[in-house]
Amino acid sequence: LFERALLADENIHPEVVRGLLERGVDILAAVQIGLGGAGDASVLRA
């Protein structure tokens, strides 16, 4: 799983994103890339 970059949907708690970053995982939160409130199809496309 962690060999590939991740995108956390907005329902994933920021503590989870922080915890993965601390483990060296390449992860972005949807809100970080302007997808807060975006539909699921938009998140999947991004």
All heavy atoms as atom14 arrays in JSON, in Angstrom:
{
  "sequence": "LFERALLADENIHPEVVRGLLERGVDILAAVQIGLGGAGDASVLRA",
  "atom14_mask": [
    [1, 1, 1, 1, 1, 1, 1, 1, 0, 0, 0, 0, 0, 0],
    [1, 1, 1, 1, 1, 1, 1, 1, 1, 1, 1, 0, 0, 0],
    [1, 1, 1, 1, 1, 1, 1, 1, 1, 0, 0, 0, 0, 0],
    [1, 1, 1, 1, 1, 1, 1, 1, 1, 1, 1, 0, 0, 0],
    [1, 1, 1, 1, 1, 0, 0, 0, 0, 0, 0, 0, 0, 0],
    [1, 1, 1, 1, 1, 1, 1, 1, 0, 0, 0, 0, 0, 0],
    [1, 1, 1, 1, 1, 1, 1, 1, 0, 0, 0, 0, 0, 0],
    [1, 1, 1, 1, 1, 0, 0, 0, 0, 0, 0, 0, 0, 0],
    [1, 1, 1, 1, 1, 1, 1, 1, 0, 0, 0, 0, 0, 0],
    [1, 1, 1, 1, 1, 1, 1, 1, 1, 0, 0, 0, 0, 0],
    [1, 1, 1, 1, 1, 1, 1, 1, 0, 0, 0, 0, 0, 0],
    [1, 1, 1, 1, 1, 1, 1, 1, 0, 0, 0, 0, 0, 0],
    [1, 1, 1, 1, 1, 1, 1, 1, 1, 1, 0, 0, 0, 0],
    [1, 1, 1, 1, 1, 1, 1, 0, 0, 0, 0, 0, 0, 0],
    [1, 1, 1, 1, 1, 1, 1, 1, 1, 0, 0, 0, 0, 0],
    [1, 1, 1, 1, 1, 1, 1, 0, 0, 0, 0, 0, 0, 0],
    [1, 1, 1, 1, 1, 1, 1, 0, 0, 0, 0, 0, 0, 0],
    [1, 1, 1, 1, 1, 1, 1, 1, 1, 1, 1, 0, 0, 0],
    [1, 1, 1, 1, 0, 0, 0, 0, 0, 0, 0, 0, 0, 0],
    [1, 1, 1, 1, 1, 1, 1, 1, 0, 0, 0, 0, 0, 0],
    [1, 1, 1, 1, 1, 1, 1, 1, 0, 0, 0, 0, 0, 0],
    [1, 1, 1, 1, 1, 1, 1, 1, 1, 0, 0, 0, 0, 0],
    [1, 1, 1, 1, 1, 1, 1, 1, 1, 1, 1, 0, 0, 0],
    [1, 1, 1, 1, 0, 0, 0, 0, 0, 0, 0, 0, 0, 0],
    [1, 1, 1, 1, 1, 1, 1, 0, 0, 0, 0, 0, 0, 0],
    [1, 1, 1, 1, 1, 1, 1, 1, 0, 0, 0, 0, 0, 0],
    [1, 1, 1, 1, 1, 1, 1, 1, 0, 0, 0, 0, 0, 0],
    [1, 1, 1, 1, 1, 1, 1, 1, 0, 0, 0, 0, 0, 0],
    [1, 1, 1, 1, 1, 0, 0, 0, 0, 0, 0, 0, 0, 0],
    [1, 1, 1, 1, 1, 0, 0, 0, 0, 0, 0, 0, 0, 0],
    [1, 1, 1, 1, 1, 1, 1, 0, 0, 0, 0, 0, 0, 0],
    [1, 1, 1, 1, 1, 1, 1, 1, 1, 0, 0, 0, 0, 0],
    [1, 1, 1, 1, 1, 1, 1, 1, 0, 0, 0, 0, 0, 0],
    [1, 1, 1, 1, 0, 0, 0, 0, 0, 0, 0, 0, 0, 0],
    [1, 1, 1, 1, 1, 1, 1, 1, 0, 0, 0, 0, 0, 0],
    [1, 1, 1, 1, 0, 0, 0, 0, 0, 0, 0, 0, 0, 0],
    [1, 1, 1, 1, 0, 0, 0, 0, 0, 0, 0, 0, 0, 0],
    [1, 1, 1, 1, 1, 0, 0, 0, 0, 0, 0, 0, 0, 0],
    [1, 1, 1, 1, 0, 0, 0, 0, 0, 0, 0, 0, 0, 0],
    [1, 1, 1, 1, 1, 1, 1, 1, 0, 0, 0, 0, 0, 0],
    [1, 1, 1, 1, 1, 0, 0, 0, 0, 0, 0, 0, 0, 0],
    [1, 1, 1, 1, 1, 1, 0, 0, 0, 0, 0, 0, 0, 0],
    [1, 1, 1, 1, 1, 1, 1, 0, 0, 0, 0, 0, 0, 0],
    [1, 1, 1, 1, 1, 1, 1, 1, 0, 0, 0, 0, 0, 0],
    [1, 1, 1, 1, 1, 1, 1, 1, 1, 1, 1, 0, 0, 0],
    [1, 1, 1, 1, 1, 0, 0, 0, 0, 0, 0, 0, 0, 0]
  ],
  "atom14_positions": [
    [[0.79, -1.22, 0.0], [0.0, 0.0, 0.0], [0.83, 1.28, 0.0], [0.57, 2.19, -0.77], [-0.96, -0.01, 1.2], [-1.89, 1.2, 1.31], [-2.8, 1.3, 0.09], [-2.71, 1.11, 2.58], [0.0, 0.0, 0.0], [0.0, 0.0, 0.0], [0.0, 0.0, 0.0], [0.0, 0.0, 0.0], [0.0, 0.0, 0.0], [0.0, 0.0, 0.0]],
    [[1.84, 1.36, 0.84], [2.57, 2.61, 0.98], [3.64, 2.82, -0.09], [4.36, 3.81, -0.07], [3.19, 2.73, 2.37], [2.19, 2.72, 3.5], [2.57, 2.35, 4.76], [0.86, 3.07, 3.29], [1.67, 2.35, 5.82], [-0.07, 3.06, 4.33], [0.34, 2.7, 5.59], [0.0, 0.0, 0.0], [0.0, 0.0, 0.0], [0.0, 0.0, 0.0]],
    [[3.75, 1.92, -1.05], [4.69, 2.08, -2.15], [4.16, 3.02, -3.21], [4.87, 3.38, -4.15], [5.02, 0.73, -2.78], [5.86, -0.15, -1.88], [6.14, -1.5, -2.49], [6.21, -1.61, -3.74], [6.26, -2.47, -1.72], [0.0, 0.0, 0.0], [0.0, 0.0, 0.0], [0.0, 0.0, 0.0], [0.0, 0.0, 0.0], [0.0, 0.0, 0.0]],
    [[2.92, 3.4, -3.09], [2.28, 4.3, -4.05], [1.73, 5.5, -3.29], [1.39, 5.41, -2.12], [1.13, 3.56, -4.73], [0.6, 4.25, -5.93], [0.77, 3.32, -7.07], [0.68, 4.0, -8.33], [0.62, 3.34, -9.44], [0.63, 2.03, -9.43], [0.57, 3.97, -10.57], [0.0, 0.0, 0.0], [0.0, 0.0, 0.0], [0.0, 0.0, 0.0]],
    [[1.63, 6.63, -3.94], [1.09, 7.84, -3.32], [-0.39, 7.67, -3.01], [-1.12, 7.0, -3.74], [1.3, 9.02, -4.25], [0.0, 0.0, 0.0], [0.0, 0.0, 0.0], [0.0, 0.0, 0.0], [0.0, 0.0, 0.0], [0.0, 0.0, 0.0], [0.0, 0.0, 0.0], [0.0, 0.0, 0.0], [0.0, 0.0, 0.0], [0.0, 0.0, 0.0]],
    [[-0.83, 8.29, -1.91], [-2.22, 8.21, -1.46], [-2.89, 9.57, -1.53], [-2.24, 10.6, -1.42], [-2.28, 7.71, -0.02], [-1.56, 6.41, 0.33], [-1.7, 6.11, 1.82], [-2.08, 5.26, -0.5], [0.0, 0.0, 0.0], [0.0, 0.0, 0.0], [0.0, 0.0, 0.0], [0.0, 0.0, 0.0], [0.0, 0.0, 0.0], [0.0, 0.0, 0.0]],
    [[-4.21, 9.54, -1.67], [-5.04, 10.75, -1.57], [-6.13, 10.45, -0.56], [-6.95, 9.56, -0.77], [-5.65, 11.12, -2.92], [-6.6, 12.31, -2.93], [-5.87, 13.59, -2.48], [-7.22, 12.51, -4.3], [0.0, 0.0, 0.0], [0.0, 0.0, 0.0], [0.0, 0.0, 0.0], [0.0, 0.0, 0.0], [0.0, 0.0, 0.0], [0.0, 0.0, 0.0]],
    [[-6.12, 11.18, 0.55], [-7.11, 10.98, 1.6], [-8.37, 11.78, 1.27], [-8.3, 12.99, 1.08], [-6.55, 11.42, 2.95], [0.0, 0.0, 0.0], [0.0, 0.0, 0.0], [0.0, 0.0, 0.0], [0.0, 0.0, 0.0], [0.0, 0.0, 0.0], [0.0, 0.0, 0.0], [0.0, 0.0, 0.0], [0.0, 0.0, 0.0], [0.0, 0.0, 0.0]],
    [[-9.49, 11.08, 1.19], [-10.77, 11.74, 1.01], [-10.99, 12.67, 2.21], [-10.4, 12.48, 3.27], [-11.86, 10.67, 0.93], [-13.22, 11.22, 0.53], [-13.28, 12.31, -0.07], [-14.23, 10.55, 0.82], [0.0, 0.0, 0.0], [0.0, 0.0, 0.0], [0.0, 0.0, 0.0], [0.0, 0.0, 0.0], [0.0, 0.0, 0.0], [0.0, 0.0, 0.0]],
    [[-11.88, 13.64, 2.07], [-12.07, 14.6, 3.15], [-12.64, 13.99, 4.41], [-12.56, 14.59, 5.48], [-12.92, 15.78, 2.69], [-14.35, 15.44, 2.37], [-15.11, 16.65, 1.85], [-14.69, 17.8, 2.08], [-16.14, 16.44, 1.2], [0.0, 0.0, 0.0], [0.0, 0.0, 0.0], [0.0, 0.0, 0.0], [0.0, 0.0, 0.0], [0.0, 0.0, 0.0]],
    [[-13.16, 12.77, 4.34], [-13.69, 12.13, 5.55], [-12.61, 11.39, 6.36], [-12.9, 10.83, 7.4], [-14.86, 11.2, 5.23], [-14.52, 10.12, 4.23], [-13.37, 9.72, 4.1], [-15.51, 9.63, 3.52], [0.0, 0.0, 0.0], [0.0, 0.0, 0.0], [0.0, 0.0, 0.0], [0.0, 0.0, 0.0], [0.0, 0.0, 0.0], [0.0, 0.0, 0.0]],
    [[-11.39, 11.39, 5.88], [-10.27, 10.82, 6.63], [-9.73, 11.91, 7.55], [-9.37, 13.0, 7.11], [-9.17, 10.3, 5.69], [-9.71, 9.19, 4.77], [-7.95, 9.83, 6.48], [-10.18, 7.93, 5.49], [0.0, 0.0, 0.0], [0.0, 0.0, 0.0], [0.0, 0.0, 0.0], [0.0, 0.0, 0.0], [0.0, 0.0, 0.0], [0.0, 0.0, 0.0]],
    [[-9.66, 11.6, 8.82], [-9.28, 12.6, 9.82], [-7.85, 13.1, 9.58], [-6.96, 12.33, 9.22], [-9.38, 11.98, 11.23], [-9.41, 13.01, 12.3], [-8.28, 13.64, 12.76], [-10.46, 13.53, 12.98], [-8.62, 14.51, 13.69], [-9.95, 14.47, 13.85], [0.0, 0.0, 0.0], [0.0, 0.0, 0.0], [0.0, 0.0, 0.0], [0.0, 0.0, 0.0]],
    [[-7.63, 14.41, 9.77], [-6.27, 14.96, 9.59], [-5.21, 14.27, 10.43], [-4.04, 14.21, 10.02], [-6.43, 16.43, 10.03], [-7.87, 16.74, 9.81], [-8.61, 15.45, 10.09], [0.0, 0.0, 0.0], [0.0, 0.0, 0.0], [0.0, 0.0, 0.0], [0.0, 0.0, 0.0], [0.0, 0.0, 0.0], [0.0, 0.0, 0.0], [0.0, 0.0, 0.0]],
    [[-5.56, 13.71, 11.59], [-4.58, 12.97, 12.4], [-4.07, 11.74, 11.66], [-2.92, 11.35, 11.83], [-5.2, 12.55, 13.73], [-5.4, 13.67, 14.72], [-6.02, 13.19, 16.01], [-5.97, 11.98, 16.31], [-6.56, 14.04, 16.74], [0.0, 0.0, 0.0], [0.0, 0.0, 0.0], [0.0, 0.0, 0.0], [0.0, 0.0, 0.0], [0.0, 0.0, 0.0]],
    [[-4.93, 11.13, 10.85], [-4.51, 9.97, 10.06], [-3.5, 10.42, 9.01], [-2.45, 9.79, 8.83], [-5.72, 9.26, 9.41], [-5.28, 8.18, 8.45], [-6.66, 8.71, 10.48], [0.0, 0.0, 0.0], [0.0, 0.0, 0.0], [0.0, 0.0, 0.0], [0.0, 0.0, 0.0], [0.0, 0.0, 0.0], [0.0, 0.0, 0.0], [0.0, 0.0, 0.0]],
    [[-3.81, 11.51, 8.33], [-2.89, 12.03, 7.32], [-1.56, 12.39, 7.97], [-0.49, 12.01, 7.47], [-3.51, 13.26, 6.6], [-2.51, 13.89, 5.64], [-4.78, 12.85, 5.86], [0.0, 0.0, 0.0], [0.0, 0.0, 0.0], [0.0, 0.0, 0.0], [0.0, 0.0, 0.0], [0.0, 0.0, 0.0], [0.0, 0.0, 0.0], [0.0, 0.0, 0.0]],
    [[-1.61, 13.06, 9.1], [-0.38, 13.43, 9.83], [0.41, 12.19, 10.23], [1.63, 12.14, 10.09], [-0.74, 14.25, 11.07], [0.02, 15.52, 11.22], [-0.33, 16.37, 12.42], [-1.52, 16.06, 13.19], [-2.72, 16.61, 12.99], [-2.89, 17.46, 12.01], [-3.74, 16.29, 13.75], [0.0, 0.0, 0.0], [0.0, 0.0, 0.0], [0.0, 0.0, 0.0]],
    [[-0.28, 11.19, 10.74], [0.39, 9.95, 11.15], [1.08, 9.25, 10.0], [2.18, 8.71, 10.15], [0.0, 0.0, 0.0], [0.0, 0.0, 0.0], [0.0, 0.0, 0.0], [0.0, 0.0, 0.0], [0.0, 0.0, 0.0], [0.0, 0.0, 0.0], [0.0, 0.0, 0.0], [0.0, 0.0, 0.0], [0.0, 0.0, 0.0], [0.0, 0.0, 0.0]],
    [[0.45, 9.26, 8.83], [1.08, 8.63, 7.67], [2.26, 9.45, 7.17], [3.3, 8.89, 6.79], [0.04, 8.43, 6.56], [-1.03, 7.38, 6.87], [-2.1, 7.38, 5.79], [-0.42, 6.0, 7.01], [0.0, 0.0, 0.0], [0.0, 0.0, 0.0], [0.0, 0.0, 0.0], [0.0, 0.0, 0.0], [0.0, 0.0, 0.0], [0.0, 0.0, 0.0]],
    [[2.13, 10.76, 7.19], [3.27, 11.61, 6.81], [4.46, 11.37, 7.72], [5.61, 11.29, 7.26], [2.87, 13.09, 6.85], [1.97, 13.57, 5.71], [1.43, 14.97, 6.01], [2.71, 13.54, 4.38], [0.0, 0.0, 0.0], [0.0, 0.0, 0.0], [0.0, 0.0, 0.0], [0.0, 0.0, 0.0], [0.0, 0.0, 0.0], [0.0, 0.0, 0.0]],
    [[4.2, 11.22, 9.02], [5.27, 10.94, 9.97], [5.94, 9.6, 9.7], [7.1, 9.4, 10.06], [4.72, 10.97, 11.4], [4.36, 12.37, 11.88], [3.59, 12.38, 13.18], [3.32, 11.3, 13.76], [3.24, 13.5, 13.63], [0.0, 0.0, 0.0], [0.0, 0.0, 0.0], [0.0, 0.0, 0.0], [0.0, 0.0, 0.0], [0.0, 0.0, 0.0]],
    [[5.23, 8.68, 9.06], [5.78, 7.37, 8.7], [6.48, 7.41, 7.34], [6.93, 6.4, 6.84], [4.66, 6.33, 8.68], [4.13, 5.96, 10.05], [2.8, 5.19, 9.92], [2.33, 4.65, 11.18], [1.69, 5.32, 12.12], [1.46, 6.61, 11.97], [1.26, 4.72, 13.22], [0.0, 0.0, 0.0], [0.0, 0.0, 0.0], [0.0, 0.0, 0.0]],
    [[6.5, 8.58, 6.72], [7.17, 8.72, 5.43], [6.31, 8.37, 4.24], [6.82, 8.22, 3.12], [0.0, 0.0, 0.0], [0.0, 0.0, 0.0], [0.0, 0.0, 0.0], [0.0, 0.0, 0.0], [0.0, 0.0, 0.0], [0.0, 0.0, 0.0], [0.0, 0.0, 0.0], [0.0, 0.0, 0.0], [0.0, 0.0, 0.0], [0.0, 0.0, 0.0]],
    [[5.0, 8.27, 4.44], [4.09, 7.92, 3.35], [3.78, 9.18, 2.54], [3.56, 10.25, 3.09], [2.78, 7.32, 3.92], [1.77, 7.04, 2.81], [3.08, 6.04, 4.7], [0.0, 0.0, 0.0], [0.0, 0.0, 0.0], [0.0, 0.0, 0.0], [0.0, 0.0, 0.0], [0.0, 0.0, 0.0], [0.0, 0.0, 0.0], [0.0, 0.0, 0.0]],
    [[3.77, 9.03, 1.22], [3.39, 10.13, 0.32], [1.87, 10.2, 0.3], [1.2, 9.39, -0.33], [3.94, 9.85, -1.08], [3.6, 10.95, -2.09], [2.84, 11.88, -1.75], [4.08, 10.84, -3.22], [0.0, 0.0, 0.0], [0.0, 0.0, 0.0], [0.0, 0.0, 0.0], [0.0, 0.0, 0.0], [0.0, 0.0, 0.0], [0.0, 0.0, 0.0]],
    [[1.3, 11.15, 1.04], [-0.15, 11.3, 1.12], [-0.52, 12.77, 1.08], [0.16, 13.61, 1.66], [-0.72, 10.63, 2.39], [-2.25, 10.71, 2.39], [-0.1, 11.18, 3.66], [-2.92, 9.83, 3.43], [0.0, 0.0, 0.0], [0.0, 0.0, 0.0], [0.0, 0.0, 0.0], [0.0, 0.0, 0.0], [0.0, 0.0, 0.0], [0.0, 0.0, 0.0]],
    [[-1.59, 13.05, 0.38], [-2.19, 14.38, 0.35], [-3.63, 14.24, 0.82], [-4.28, 13.23, 0.55], [-2.22, 14.94, -1.07], [-0.91, 15.4, -1.69], [-1.15, 15.81, -3.14], [-0.33, 16.56, -0.91], [0.0, 0.0, 0.0], [0.0, 0.0, 0.0], [0.0, 0.0, 0.0], [0.0, 0.0, 0.0], [0.0, 0.0, 0.0], [0.0, 0.0, 0.0]],
    [[-4.12, 15.27, 1.48], [-5.53, 15.33, 1.83], [-6.27, 16.05, 0.7], [-5.73, 16.99, 0.11], [-5.72, 16.08, 3.14], [0.0, 0.0, 0.0], [0.0, 0.0, 0.0], [0.0, 0.0, 0.0], [0.0, 0.0, 0.0], [0.0, 0.0, 0.0], [0.0, 0.0, 0.0], [0.0, 0.0, 0.0], [0.0, 0.0, 0.0], [0.0, 0.0, 0.0]],
    [[-7.47, 15.61, 0.4], [-8.25, 16.22, -0.67], [-8.37, 17.73, -0.49], [-8.28, 18.48, -1.47], [-9.63, 15.57, -0.75], [0.0, 0.0, 0.0], [0.0, 0.0, 0.0], [0.0, 0.0, 0.0], [0.0, 0.0, 0.0], [0.0, 0.0, 0.0], [0.0, 0.0, 0.0], [0.0, 0.0, 0.0], [0.0, 0.0, 0.0], [0.0, 0.0, 0.0]],
    [[-8.53, 18.18, 0.75], [-8.66, 19.62, 0.99], [-7.38, 20.38, 0.64], [-7.44, 21.55, 0.29], [-9.1, 19.92, 2.45], [-10.49, 19.37, 2.72], [-8.11, 19.4, 3.45], [0.0, 0.0, 0.0], [0.0, 0.0, 0.0], [0.0, 0.0, 0.0], [0.0, 0.0, 0.0], [0.0, 0.0, 0.0], [0.0, 0.0, 0.0], [0.0, 0.0, 0.0]],
    [[-6.23, 19.71, 0.7], [-4.96, 20.37, 0.38], [-4.86, 20.73, -1.1], [-4.11, 21.64, -1.46], [-3.77, 19.45, 0.7], [-3.47, 19.28, 2.16], [-2.3, 18.32, 2.33], [-2.47, 17.11, 2.19], [-1.13, 18.87, 2.6], [0.0, 0.0, 0.0], [0.0, 0.0, 0.0], [0.0, 0.0, 0.0], [0.0, 0.0, 0.0], [0.0, 0.0, 0.0]],
    [[-5.59, 20.01, -1.93], [-5.49, 20.26, -3.38], [-6.8, 20.83, -3.93], [-7.12, 20.67, -5.1], [-5.06, 18.99, -4.15], [-6.0, 17.82, -3.9], [-3.63, 18.61, -3.78], [-5.71, 16.6, -4.78], [0.0, 0.0, 0.0], [0.0, 0.0, 0.0], [0.0, 0.0, 0.0], [0.0, 0.0, 0.0], [0.0, 0.0, 0.0], [0.0, 0.0, 0.0]],
    [[-7.54, 21.5, -3.05], [-8.75, 22.2, -3.48], [-9.96, 21.34, -3.72], [-10.88, 21.75, -4.42], [0.0, 0.0, 0.0], [0.0, 0.0, 0.0], [0.0, 0.0, 0.0], [0.0, 0.0, 0.0], [0.0, 0.0, 0.0], [0.0, 0.0, 0.0], [0.0, 0.0, 0.0], [0.0, 0.0, 0.0], [0.0, 0.0, 0.0], [0.0, 0.0, 0.0]],
    [[-9.98, 20.14, -3.14], [-11.1, 19.23, -3.36], [-12.01, 19.1, -2.14], [-12.81, 18.18, -2.08], [-10.59, 17.85, -3.8], [-9.94, 17.83, -5.18], [-9.32, 16.46, -5.46], [-10.94, 18.19, -6.27], [0.0, 0.0, 0.0], [0.0, 0.0, 0.0], [0.0, 0.0, 0.0], [0.0, 0.0, 0.0], [0.0, 0.0, 0.0], [0.0, 0.0, 0.0]],
    [[-11.9, 20.0, -1.19], [-12.81, 19.99, -0.05], [-14.22, 20.27, -0.55], [-14.45, 21.25, -1.26], [0.0, 0.0, 0.0], [0.0, 0.0, 0.0], [0.0, 0.0, 0.0], [0.0, 0.0, 0.0], [0.0, 0.0, 0.0], [0.0, 0.0, 0.0], [0.0, 0.0, 0.0], [0.0, 0.0, 0.0], [0.0, 0.0, 0.0], [0.0, 0.0, 0.0]],
    [[-15.16, 19.4, -0.27], [-16.53, 19.56, -0.71], [-16.78, 19.1, -2.14], [-17.91, 19.13, -2.62], [0.0, 0.0, 0.0], [0.0, 0.0, 0.0], [0.0, 0.0, 0.0], [0.0, 0.0, 0.0], [0.0, 0.0, 0.0], [0.0, 0.0, 0.0], [0.0, 0.0, 0.0], [0.0, 0.0, 0.0], [0.0, 0.0, 0.0], [0.0, 0.0, 0.0]],
    [[-15.73, 18.65, -2.82], [-15.89, 18.17, -4.2], [-16.58, 16.81, -4.2], [-16.51, 16.06, -3.23], [-14.53, 18.06, -4.88], [0.0, 0.0, 0.0], [0.0, 0.0, 0.0], [0.0, 0.0, 0.0], [0.0, 0.0, 0.0], [0.0, 0.0, 0.0], [0.0, 0.0, 0.0], [0.0, 0.0, 0.0], [0.0, 0.0, 0.0], [0.0, 0.0, 0.0]],
    [[-17.21, 16.49, -5.28], [-17.86, 15.19, -5.42], [-16.85, 14.06, -5.51], [-15.68, 14.28, -5.85], [0.0, 0.0, 0.0], [0.0, 0.0, 0.0], [0.0, 0.0, 0.0], [0.0, 0.0, 0.0], [0.0, 0.0, 0.0], [0.0, 0.0, 0.0], [0.0, 0.0, 0.0], [0.0, 0.0, 0.0], [0.0, 0.0, 0.0], [0.0, 0.0, 0.0]],
    [[-17.32, 12.87, -5.23], [-16.44, 11.7, -5.26], [-15.81, 11.48, -6.63], [-14.65, 11.09, -6.72], [-17.22, 10.45, -4.82], [-17.7, 10.53, -3.39], [-17.16, 11.35, -2.62], [-18.62, 9.76, -3.04], [0.0, 0.0, 0.0], [0.0, 0.0, 0.0], [0.0, 0.0, 0.0], [0.0, 0.0, 0.0], [0.0, 0.0, 0.0], [0.0, 0.0, 0.0]],
    [[-16.57, 11.74, -7.69], [-16.03, 11.55, -9.04], [-14.84, 12.48, -9.28], [-13.85, 12.08, -9.89], [-17.12, 11.78, -10.09], [0.0, 0.0, 0.0], [0.0, 0.0, 0.0], [0.0, 0.0, 0.0], [0.0, 0.0, 0.0], [0.0, 0.0, 0.0], [0.0, 0.0, 0.0], [0.0, 0.0, 0.0], [0.0, 0.0, 0.0], [0.0, 0.0, 0.0]],
    [[-14.92, 13.7, -8.76], [-13.81, 14.64, -8.91], [-12.57, 14.18, -8.15], [-11.45, 14.29, -8.64], [-14.22, 16.03, -8.42], [-15.25, 16.55, -9.22], [0.0, 0.0, 0.0], [0.0, 0.0, 0.0], [0.0, 0.0, 0.0], [0.0, 0.0, 0.0], [0.0, 0.0, 0.0], [0.0, 0.0, 0.0], [0.0, 0.0, 0.0], [0.0, 0.0, 0.0]],
    [[-12.79, 13.66, -6.95], [-11.68, 13.15, -6.14], [-11.04, 11.96, -6.84], [-9.81, 11.86, -6.94], [-12.15, 12.78, -4.71], [-11.04, 12.1, -3.93], [-12.65, 14.02, -3.98], [0.0, 0.0, 0.0], [0.0, 0.0, 0.0], [0.0, 0.0, 0.0], [0.0, 0.0, 0.0], [0.0, 0.0, 0.0], [0.0, 0.0, 0.0], [0.0, 0.0, 0.0]],
    [[-11.86, 11.07, -7.38], [-11.34, 9.88, -8.06], [-10.54, 10.28, -9.31], [-9.47, 9.73, -9.56], [-12.49, 8.94, -8.41], [-12.14, 7.5, -8.69], [-11.39, 6.85, -7.53], [-13.4, 6.7, -9.01], [0.0, 0.0, 0.0], [0.0, 0.0, 0.0], [0.0, 0.0, 0.0], [0.0, 0.0, 0.0], [0.0, 0.0, 0.0], [0.0, 0.0, 0.0]],
    [[-11.04, 11.24, -10.05], [-10.32, 11.72, -11.25], [-8.98, 12.36, -10.87], [-7.96, 12.13, -11.54], [-11.17, 12.71, -12.04], [-12.19, 12.07, -12.95], [-12.79, 13.08, -13.93], [-13.43, 14.2, -13.26], [-14.7, 14.2, -12.84], [-15.45, 13.14, -13.01], [-15.2, 15.28, -12.25], [0.0, 0.0, 0.0], [0.0, 0.0, 0.0], [0.0, 0.0, 0.0]],
    [[-8.97, 13.16, -9.81], [-7.73, 13.8, -9.38], [-6.71, 12.75, -8.94], [-5.52, 12.86, -9.25], [-8.0, 14.78, -8.24], [0.0, 0.0, 0.0], [0.0, 0.0, 0.0], [0.0, 0.0, 0.0], [0.0, 0.0, 0.0], [0.0, 0.0, 0.0], [0.0, 0.0, 0.0], [0.0, 0.0, 0.0], [0.0, 0.0, 0.0], [0.0, 0.0, 0.0]]
  ]
}
